[in-house]
Amino acid sequence: MIRTLIIDDEEDSRVALSIALARFCPDVEVLALCESPLIGLKKIDELGPDLIFLDVQMPQMSGFDLLDRVEKIDFKVIFVTAFDRYAIKAIRFSALDYLLKPVDIDDLVSAVQKVKAHISLKMDNGAYQAQIRNIRYNRERLTRLAIHSDKEIILKELNEIVFMEADGGYTVIHLTDKKKITVAKTLKEYEKLLPADQFCRIHHATLVNMDHVTRYVKGDGGYVVITGGGHLDVSRRKKEHFIKLLHKF
């Protein structure tokens, strides 16, 4: 049996994948469904899986960030993604497997068969570890965003976006030229789509481009000063994650 973890912040995706594996991949045993990267890291350490199905974009920590925190990668990885086209290109280039959401059953069975072959042939795990480590740094990054307004689709470079703020079920995008674009997409959707090492959720209603943070003023949560001199509050709940990301710059 291939002992497996599913690490994905979306409950529907976790459950659907586990059901598909039980039905179409009888050689796979799902040890746990992990709703966050931190729980996934804990379960990897506790259970020692042979394989993990890993979502690429998750709040607070991407799938690539999770792998960076694993001391020894002695398991196989199948990436699962709905948005990350740039990551897909890199995964394909590096010959690592991936699945697109919603997961196609034929693709799933094929991916599991590749893992079984890899395990049975006892392929060099050191080379596999290096391959996974390198993918995060060699992948083609998302550099532009297609913003769908009521009348047009506007293409903007990511460095033109200063911050985004939630407005009910909409998102208001603030640009470097002081213009604002309101989009019928939630802030959570943008958080999952945009690079986690560049865009940080500092408040339940605010996603900021770290490249436009010029200063952080400490406090209960504190606030950031952004390009142009504006202030954005940092919530107490988001402060720790923001500080950790800030130290990487």
C-alpha atoms as a PDB file:
ATOM      1  CA  MET A   1       0.000   0.000   0.000  1.00  0.00           C
ATOM      2  CA  ILE A   2       1.088   3.558  -0.727  1.00  0.00           C
ATOM      3  CA  ARG A   3       0.561   5.499   2.489  1.00  0.00           C
ATOM      4  CA  THR A   4      -0.702   8.949   1.588  1.00  0.00           C
ATOM      5  CA  LEU A   5      -1.535  12.409   2.953  1.00  0.00           C
ATOM      6  CA  ILE A   6      -3.760  14.995   1.267  1.00  0.00           C
ATOM      7  CA  ILE A   7      -2.789  18.591   2.131  1.00  0.00           C
ATOM      8  CA  ASP A   8      -5.273  21.153   0.816  1.00  0.00           C
ATOM      9  CA  ASP A   9      -7.039  24.092   2.459  1.00  0.00           C
ATOM     10  CA  GLU A  10     -10.264  23.470   0.482  1.00  0.00           C
ATOM     11  CA  GLU A  11     -12.472  20.868   2.173  1.00  0.00           C
ATOM     12  CA  ASP A  12     -14.384  19.927  -0.984  1.00  0.00           C
ATOM     13  CA  SER A  13     -11.132  19.224  -2.828  1.00  0.00           C
ATOM     14  CA  ARG A  14      -9.733  17.109   0.031  1.00  0.00           C
ATOM     15  CA  VAL A  15     -12.866  15.000   0.305  1.00  0.00           C
ATOM     16  CA  ALA A  16     -13.347  14.575  -3.448  1.00  0.00           C
ATOM     17  CA  LEU A  17      -9.744  13.434  -3.895  1.00  0.00           C
ATOM     18  CA  SER A  18      -9.941  10.962  -1.013  1.00  0.00           C
ATOM     19  CA  ILE A  19     -13.147   9.451  -2.431  1.00  0.00           C
ATOM     20  CA  ALA A  20     -11.591   9.162  -5.906  1.00  0.00           C
ATOM     21  CA  LEU A  21      -8.508   7.458  -4.480  1.00  0.00           C
ATOM     22  CA  ALA A  22     -10.607   4.961  -2.519  1.00  0.00           C
ATOM     23  CA  ARG A  23     -12.618   4.092  -5.610  1.00  0.00           C
ATOM     24  CA  PHE A  24     -10.025   4.113  -8.386  1.00  0.00           C
ATOM     25  CA  CYS A  25      -6.652   3.602  -6.664  1.00  0.00           C
ATOM     26  CA  PRO A  26      -7.078   0.680  -4.229  1.00  0.00           C
ATOM     27  CA  ASP A  27      -3.325   0.516  -3.594  1.00  0.00           C
ATOM     28  CA  VAL A  28      -3.417   3.960  -1.956  1.00  0.00           C
ATOM     29  CA  GLU A  29      -4.215   4.331   1.744  1.00  0.00           C
ATOM     30  CA  VAL A  30      -5.137   7.867   2.828  1.00  0.00           C
ATOM     31  CA  LEU A  31      -3.682   8.385   6.295  1.00  0.00           C
ATOM     32  CA  ALA A  32      -5.058  11.886   6.913  1.00  0.00           C
ATOM     33  CA  LEU A  33      -6.769  14.870   5.297  1.00  0.00           C
ATOM     34  CA  CYS A  34      -4.874  18.024   6.282  1.00  0.00           C
ATOM     35  CA  GLU A  35      -6.674  21.357   6.069  1.00  0.00           C
ATOM     36  CA  SER A  36      -3.582  23.528   6.489  1.00  0.00           C
ATOM     37  CA  PRO A  37       0.149  23.435   5.713  1.00  0.00           C
ATOM     38  CA  LEU A  38       1.044  23.432   9.413  1.00  0.00           C
ATOM     39  CA  ILE A  39      -1.125  20.394  10.079  1.00  0.00           C
ATOM     40  CA  GLY A  40       0.396  18.798   6.984  1.00  0.00           C
ATOM     41  CA  LEU A  41       3.919  19.321   8.334  1.00  0.00           C
ATOM     42  CA  LYS A  42       2.918  17.766  11.646  1.00  0.00           C
ATOM     43  CA  LYS A  43       1.368  14.727   9.966  1.00  0.00           C
ATOM     44  CA  ILE A  44       4.383  14.242   7.687  1.00  0.00           C
ATOM     45  CA  ASP A  45       6.570  14.074  10.785  1.00  0.00           C
ATOM     46  CA  GLU A  46       4.173  11.827  12.712  1.00  0.00           C
ATOM     47  CA  LEU A  47       3.095   9.388   9.995  1.00  0.00           C
ATOM     48  CA  GLY A  48       5.993   9.210   7.523  1.00  0.00           C
ATOM     49  CA  PRO A  49       3.903   8.921   4.323  1.00  0.00           C
ATOM     50  CA  ASP A  50       5.124   7.453   1.029  1.00  0.00           C
ATOM     51  CA  LEU A  51       3.256  10.097  -0.978  1.00  0.00           C
ATOM     52  CA  ILE A  52       1.575  13.474  -0.445  1.00  0.00           C
ATOM     53  CA  PHE A  53      -0.973  15.223  -2.629  1.00  0.00           C
ATOM     54  CA  LEU A  54      -0.037  18.868  -2.113  1.00  0.00           C
ATOM     55  CA  ASP A  55      -2.027  21.985  -3.010  1.00  0.00           C
ATOM     56  CA  VAL A  56       0.222  24.644  -4.565  1.00  0.00           C
ATOM     57  CA  GLN A  57      -1.470  27.812  -3.312  1.00  0.00           C
ATOM     58  CA  MET A  58      -2.635  27.907   0.300  1.00  0.00           C
ATOM     59  CA  PRO A  59      -3.016  30.788   2.766  1.00  0.00           C
ATOM     60  CA  GLN A  60       0.007  31.579   4.966  1.00  0.00           C
ATOM     61  CA  MET A  61       2.266  28.990   3.304  1.00  0.00           C
ATOM     62  CA  SER A  62       2.449  27.688  -0.276  1.00  0.00           C
ATOM     63  CA  GLY A  63       3.093  24.068  -1.123  1.00  0.00           C
ATOM     64  CA  PHE A  64       6.642  25.030  -2.091  1.00  0.00           C
ATOM     65  CA  ASP A  65       7.154  26.764   1.261  1.00  0.00           C
ATOM     66  CA  LEU A  66       5.932  23.626   3.032  1.00  0.00           C
ATOM     67  CA  LEU A  67       8.499  21.480   1.227  1.00  0.00           C
ATOM     68  CA  ASP A  68      11.232  23.941   2.166  1.00  0.00           C
ATOM     69  CA  ARG A  69      10.445  23.265   5.827  1.00  0.00           C
ATOM     70  CA  VAL A  70      10.734  19.482   5.523  1.00  0.00           C
ATOM     71  CA  GLU A  71      14.232  18.451   6.593  1.00  0.00           C
ATOM     72  CA  LYS A  72      14.277  15.191   4.631  1.00  0.00           C
ATOM     73  CA  ILE A  73      11.954  14.634   1.700  1.00  0.00           C
ATOM     74  CA  ASP A  74      11.680  10.835   1.730  1.00  0.00           C
ATOM     75  CA  PHE A  75       8.235  10.769   0.128  1.00  0.00           C
ATOM     76  CA  LYS A  76       6.869  11.393  -3.357  1.00  0.00           C
ATOM     77  CA  VAL A  77       4.855  14.517  -4.215  1.00  0.00           C
ATOM     78  CA  ILE A  78       1.927  15.056  -6.569  1.00  0.00           C
ATOM     79  CA  PHE A  79       1.056  18.750  -6.802  1.00  0.00           C
ATOM     80  CA  VAL A  80      -2.598  19.764  -7.040  1.00  0.00           C
ATOM     81  CA  THR A  81      -3.585  23.204  -8.297  1.00  0.00           C
ATOM     82  CA  ALA A  82      -6.462  25.250  -9.676  1.00  0.00           C
ATOM     83  CA  PHE A  83      -4.720  28.536 -10.467  1.00  0.00           C
ATOM     84  CA  ASP A  84      -0.962  28.336 -10.659  1.00  0.00           C
ATOM     85  CA  ARG A  85      -0.235  28.158 -14.394  1.00  0.00           C
ATOM     86  CA  TYR A  86       3.352  29.282 -13.890  1.00  0.00           C
ATOM     87  CA  ALA A  87       3.953  26.494 -11.399  1.00  0.00           C
ATOM     88  CA  ILE A  88       2.405  23.947 -13.761  1.00  0.00           C
ATOM     89  CA  LYS A  89       4.939  24.859 -16.444  1.00  0.00           C
ATOM     90  CA  ALA A  90       7.812  24.331 -14.029  1.00  0.00           C
ATOM     91  CA  ILE A  91       6.393  21.059 -12.734  1.00  0.00           C
ATOM     92  CA  ARG A  92       6.022  19.770 -16.272  1.00  0.00           C
ATOM     93  CA  PHE A  93       9.549  20.894 -17.142  1.00  0.00           C
ATOM     94  CA  SER A  94      10.986  19.152 -14.090  1.00  0.00           C
ATOM     95  CA  ALA A  95       9.052  15.926 -14.816  1.00  0.00           C
ATOM     96  CA  LEU A  96       7.235  16.103 -11.478  1.00  0.00           C
ATOM     97  CA  ASP A  97       3.582  15.159 -11.468  1.00  0.00           C
ATOM     98  CA  TYR A  98       0.643  17.507 -10.999  1.00  0.00           C
ATOM     99  CA  LEU A  99      -3.141  17.401 -11.125  1.00  0.00           C
ATOM    100  CA  LEU A 100      -5.497  20.194 -12.109  1.00  0.00           C
ATOM    101  CA  LYS A 101      -8.638  20.857 -10.091  1.00  0.00           C
ATOM    102  CA  PRO A 102     -11.201  19.459 -10.525  1.00  0.00           C
ATOM    103  CA  VAL A 103      -9.130  16.297 -10.667  1.00  0.00           C
ATOM    104  CA  ASP A 104      -9.584  14.095 -13.745  1.00  0.00           C
ATOM    105  CA  ILE A 105      -9.786  10.405 -12.806  1.00  0.00           C
ATOM    106  CA  ASP A 106      -7.580   9.214 -15.679  1.00  0.00           C
ATOM    107  CA  ASP A 107      -4.909  11.771 -14.718  1.00  0.00           C
ATOM    108  CA  LEU A 108      -5.129  10.668 -11.099  1.00  0.00           C
ATOM    109  CA  VAL A 109      -4.705   6.979 -11.914  1.00  0.00           C
ATOM    110  CA  SER A 110      -1.788   7.781 -14.238  1.00  0.00           C
ATOM    111  CA  ALA A 111      -0.043   9.881 -11.586  1.00  0.00           C
ATOM    112  CA  VAL A 112      -0.400   7.130  -8.970  1.00  0.00           C
ATOM    113  CA  GLN A 113       0.967   4.556 -11.426  1.00  0.00           C
ATOM    114  CA  LYS A 114       4.072   6.733 -11.931  1.00  0.00           C
ATOM    115  CA  VAL A 115       4.582   6.895  -8.171  1.00  0.00           C
ATOM    116  CA  LYS A 116       4.270   3.100  -7.904  1.00  0.00           C
ATOM    117  CA  ALA A 117       6.859   2.644 -10.659  1.00  0.00           C
ATOM    118  CA  HIS A 118       9.186   5.117  -8.953  1.00  0.00           C
ATOM    119  CA  ILE A 119       8.933   3.244  -5.668  1.00  0.00           C
ATOM    120  CA  SER A 120       9.267  -0.259  -7.154  1.00  0.00           C
ATOM    121  CA  LEU A 121      12.340   0.670  -9.225  1.00  0.00           C
ATOM    122  CA  LYS A 122      13.965   2.259  -6.155  1.00  0.00           C
ATOM    123  CA  MET A 123      14.974   5.354  -8.113  1.00  0.00           C
ATOM    124  CA  ASP A 124      17.598   7.670  -6.600  1.00  0.00           C
ATOM    125  CA  ASN A 125      15.753   9.554  -3.879  1.00  0.00           C
ATOM    126  CA  GLY A 126      18.558  12.084  -3.454  1.00  0.00           C
ATOM    127  CA  ALA A 127      18.100  13.301  -7.011  1.00  0.00           C
ATOM    128  CA  TYR A 128      14.333  13.413  -6.452  1.00  0.00           C
ATOM    129  CA  GLN A 129      14.782  15.539  -3.330  1.00  0.00           C
ATOM    130  CA  ALA A 130      17.008  17.977  -5.196  1.00  0.00           C
ATOM    131  CA  GLN A 131      14.482  18.191  -8.005  1.00  0.00           C
ATOM    132  CA  ILE A 132      11.691  19.133  -5.619  1.00  0.00           C
ATOM    133  CA  ARG A 133      13.879  21.638  -3.739  1.00  0.00           C
ATOM    134  CA  ASN A 134      14.834  23.406  -6.951  1.00  0.00           C
ATOM    135  CA  ILE A 135      11.381  23.684  -8.471  1.00  0.00           C
ATOM    136  CA  ARG A 136      10.302  26.552  -6.236  1.00  0.00           C
ATOM    137  CA  TYR A 137      13.214  28.705  -7.303  1.00  0.00           C
ATOM    138  CA  ASN A 138      13.259  27.783 -10.987  1.00  0.00           C
ATOM    139  CA  ARG A 139       9.572  28.071 -11.765  1.00  0.00           C
ATOM    140  CA  GLU A 140       8.318  30.761 -14.108  1.00  0.00           C
ATOM    141  CA  ARG A 141       6.810  33.461 -11.907  1.00  0.00           C
ATOM    142  CA  LEU A 142       3.506  35.150 -12.468  1.00  0.00           C
ATOM    143  CA  THR A 143       4.410  38.725 -13.465  1.00  0.00           C
ATOM    144  CA  ARG A 144       1.120  40.124 -14.790  1.00  0.00           C
ATOM    145  CA  LEU A 145      -2.479  39.941 -13.650  1.00  0.00           C
ATOM    146  CA  ALA A 146      -5.574  40.048 -15.860  1.00  0.00           C
ATOM    147  CA  ILE A 147      -8.111  42.241 -14.035  1.00  0.00           C
ATOM    148  CA  HIS A 148     -11.684  41.755 -15.215  1.00  0.00           C
ATOM    149  CA  SER A 149     -13.759  44.930 -14.796  1.00  0.00           C
ATOM    150  CA  ASP A 150     -17.333  45.462 -16.014  1.00  0.00           C
ATOM    151  CA  LYS A 151     -16.315  46.716 -19.456  1.00  0.00           C
ATOM    152  CA  GLU A 152     -12.830  45.386 -20.129  1.00  0.00           C
ATOM    153  CA  ILE A 153      -9.955  43.152 -19.136  1.00  0.00           C
ATOM    154  CA  ILE A 154      -6.953  45.150 -17.928  1.00  0.00           C
ATOM    155  CA  LEU A 155      -3.474  43.637 -17.800  1.00  0.00           C
ATOM    156  CA  LYS A 156      -1.313  45.003 -14.998  1.00  0.00           C
ATOM    157  CA  GLU A 157       2.207  44.191 -13.868  1.00  0.00           C
ATOM    158  CA  LEU A 158       2.234  42.902 -10.301  1.00  0.00           C
ATOM    159  CA  ASN A 159       4.506  45.774  -9.244  1.00  0.00           C
ATOM    160  CA  GLU A 160       1.749  48.188 -10.309  1.00  0.00           C
ATOM    161  CA  ILE A 161      -0.535  46.779  -7.590  1.00  0.00           C
ATOM    162  CA  VAL A 162       0.017  48.446  -4.220  1.00  0.00           C
ATOM    163  CA  PHE A 163      -2.675  46.662  -2.238  1.00  0.00           C
ATOM    164  CA  MET A 164      -6.129  45.091  -2.453  1.00  0.00           C
ATOM    165  CA  GLU A 165      -9.016  45.506  -0.062  1.00  0.00           C
ATOM    166  CA  ALA A 166     -12.194  43.497   0.425  1.00  0.00           C
ATOM    167  CA  ASP A 167     -15.562  45.135  -0.202  1.00  0.00           C
ATOM    168  CA  GLY A 168     -18.169  42.486   0.512  1.00  0.00           C
ATOM    169  CA  GLY A 169     -17.949  39.944  -2.306  1.00  0.00           C
ATOM    170  CA  TYR A 170     -15.832  42.353  -4.341  1.00  0.00           C
ATOM    171  CA  THR A 171     -12.184  43.395  -4.270  1.00  0.00           C
ATOM    172  CA  VAL A 172     -10.886  46.939  -4.775  1.00  0.00           C
ATOM    173  CA  ILE A 173      -7.441  46.982  -6.390  1.00  0.00           C
ATOM    174  CA  HIS A 174      -5.289  50.044  -5.629  1.00  0.00           C
ATOM    175  CA  LEU A 175      -2.654  50.852  -8.249  1.00  0.00           C
ATOM    176  CA  THR A 176       0.533  52.899  -8.213  1.00  0.00           C
ATOM    177  CA  ASP A 177      -1.105  55.589 -10.405  1.00  0.00           C
ATOM    178  CA  LYS A 178      -3.704  56.091  -7.607  1.00  0.00           C
ATOM    179  CA  LYS A 179      -6.458  54.509  -9.700  1.00  0.00           C
ATOM    180  CA  LYS A 180      -8.814  51.929  -8.214  1.00  0.00           C
ATOM    181  CA  ILE A 181     -10.457  48.984  -9.972  1.00  0.00           C
ATOM    182  CA  THR A 182     -13.368  47.115  -8.416  1.00  0.00           C
ATOM    183  CA  VAL A 183     -13.568  43.447  -9.378  1.00  0.00           C
ATOM    184  CA  ALA A 184     -16.267  40.831  -8.759  1.00  0.00           C
ATOM    185  CA  LYS A 185     -13.820  38.426  -7.132  1.00  0.00           C
ATOM    186  CA  THR A 186     -13.138  37.883  -3.431  1.00  0.00           C
ATOM    187  CA  LEU A 187      -9.913  38.819  -1.683  1.00  0.00           C
ATOM    188  CA  LYS A 188      -9.417  35.148  -0.758  1.00  0.00           C
ATOM    189  CA  GLU A 189      -9.363  34.215  -4.441  1.00  0.00           C
ATOM    190  CA  TYR A 190      -6.618  36.767  -5.102  1.00  0.00           C
ATOM    191  CA  GLU A 191      -4.695  35.589  -2.033  1.00  0.00           C
ATOM    192  CA  LYS A 192      -4.637  32.065  -3.464  1.00  0.00           C
ATOM    193  CA  LEU A 193      -3.708  33.248  -6.957  1.00  0.00           C
ATOM    194  CA  LEU A 194      -0.914  35.721  -6.237  1.00  0.00           C
ATOM    195  CA  PRO A 195       2.636  34.765  -5.145  1.00  0.00           C
ATOM    196  CA  ALA A 196       2.589  34.137  -1.383  1.00  0.00           C
ATOM    197  CA  ASP A 197       6.113  35.482  -0.994  1.00  0.00           C
ATOM    198  CA  GLN A 198       5.096  38.864  -2.448  1.00  0.00           C
ATOM    199  CA  PHE A 199       1.470  39.473  -1.425  1.00  0.00           C
ATOM    200  CA  CYS A 200       0.667  39.280   2.278  1.00  0.00           C
ATOM    201  CA  ARG A 201      -2.744  39.227   3.999  1.00  0.00           C
ATOM    202  CA  ILE A 202      -2.140  41.743   6.806  1.00  0.00           C
ATOM    203  CA  HIS A 203      -5.808  42.132   7.742  1.00  0.00           C
ATOM    204  CA  HIS A 204      -8.989  40.197   6.977  1.00  0.00           C
ATOM    205  CA  ALA A 205      -9.810  42.963   4.492  1.00  0.00           C
ATOM    206  CA  THR A 206      -6.330  43.811   3.165  1.00  0.00           C
ATOM    207  CA  LEU A 207      -3.794  42.103   0.911  1.00  0.00           C
ATOM    208  CA  VAL A 208      -0.632  44.175   0.428  1.00  0.00           C
ATOM    209  CA  ASN A 209       2.200  43.955  -2.082  1.00  0.00           C
ATOM    210  CA  MET A 210       5.297  43.677   0.121  1.00  0.00           C
ATOM    211  CA  ASP A 211       7.333  45.465  -2.544  1.00  0.00           C
ATOM    212  CA  HIS A 212       5.315  48.605  -1.721  1.00  0.00           C
ATOM    213  CA  VAL A 213       5.753  48.432   2.067  1.00  0.00           C
ATOM    214  CA  THR A 214       8.193  51.191   3.016  1.00  0.00           C
ATOM    215  CA  ARG A 215       7.904  51.047   6.809  1.00  0.00           C
ATOM    216  CA  TYR A 216       6.271  49.050   9.606  1.00  0.00           C
ATOM    217  CA  VAL A 217       5.202  50.900  12.767  1.00  0.00           C
ATOM    218  CA  LYS A 218       4.930  48.545  15.734  1.00  0.00           C
ATOM    219  CA  GLY A 219       1.877  48.396  17.963  1.00  0.00           C
ATOM    220  CA  ASP A 220      -0.848  46.007  19.119  1.00  0.00           C
ATOM    221  CA  GLY A 221      -1.091  45.023  15.497  1.00  0.00           C
ATOM    222  CA  GLY A 222       0.716  48.018  14.143  1.00  0.00           C
ATOM    223  CA  TYR A 223       0.448  49.447  10.662  1.00  0.00           C
ATOM    224  CA  VAL A 224       2.464  49.657   7.475  1.00  0.00           C
ATOM    225  CA  VAL A 225       3.354  52.729   5.460  1.00  0.00           C
ATOM    226  CA  ILE A 226       3.044  52.060   1.744  1.00  0.00           C
ATOM    227  CA  THR A 227       4.294  53.706  -1.429  1.00  0.00           C
ATOM    228  CA  GLY A 228       2.730  57.153  -1.647  1.00  0.00           C
ATOM    229  CA  GLY A 229       2.562  57.558   2.129  1.00  0.00           C
ATOM    230  CA  GLY A 230      -0.704  55.804   2.971  1.00  0.00           C
ATOM    231  CA  HIS A 231      -1.216  53.679   6.098  1.00  0.00           C
ATOM    232  CA  LEU A 232      -2.656  50.149   6.305  1.00  0.00           C
ATOM    233  CA  ASP A 233      -3.517  48.459   9.606  1.00  0.00           C
ATOM    234  CA  VAL A 234      -1.997  45.088  10.509  1.00  0.00           C
ATOM    235  CA  SER A 235      -4.337  42.915  12.566  1.00  0.00           C
ATOM    236  CA  ARG A 236      -3.093  41.105  15.670  1.00  0.00           C
ATOM    237  CA  ARG A 237      -3.949  37.738  14.075  1.00  0.00           C
ATOM    238  CA  LYS A 238      -1.937  38.488  10.929  1.00  0.00           C
ATOM    239  CA  LYS A 239       0.994  40.219  12.623  1.00  0.00           C
ATOM    240  CA  GLU A 240       3.191  37.146  13.227  1.00  0.00           C
ATOM    241  CA  HIS A 241       2.956  35.951   9.628  1.00  0.00           C
ATOM    242  CA  PHE A 242       3.592  39.472   8.316  1.00  0.00           C
ATOM    243  CA  ILE A 243       6.711  39.895  10.483  1.00  0.00           C
ATOM    244  CA  LYS A 244       8.121  36.552   9.312  1.00  0.00           C
ATOM    245  CA  LEU A 245       7.625  37.533   5.683  1.00  0.00           C
ATOM    246  CA  LEU A 246       9.045  41.004   6.332  1.00  0.00           C
ATOM    247  CA  HIS A 247      12.290  39.476   7.624  1.00  0.00           C
ATOM    248  CA  LYS A 248      12.798  37.723   4.284  1.00  0.00           C
ATOM    249  CA  PHE A 249      13.134  41.057   2.454  1.00  0.00           C
END
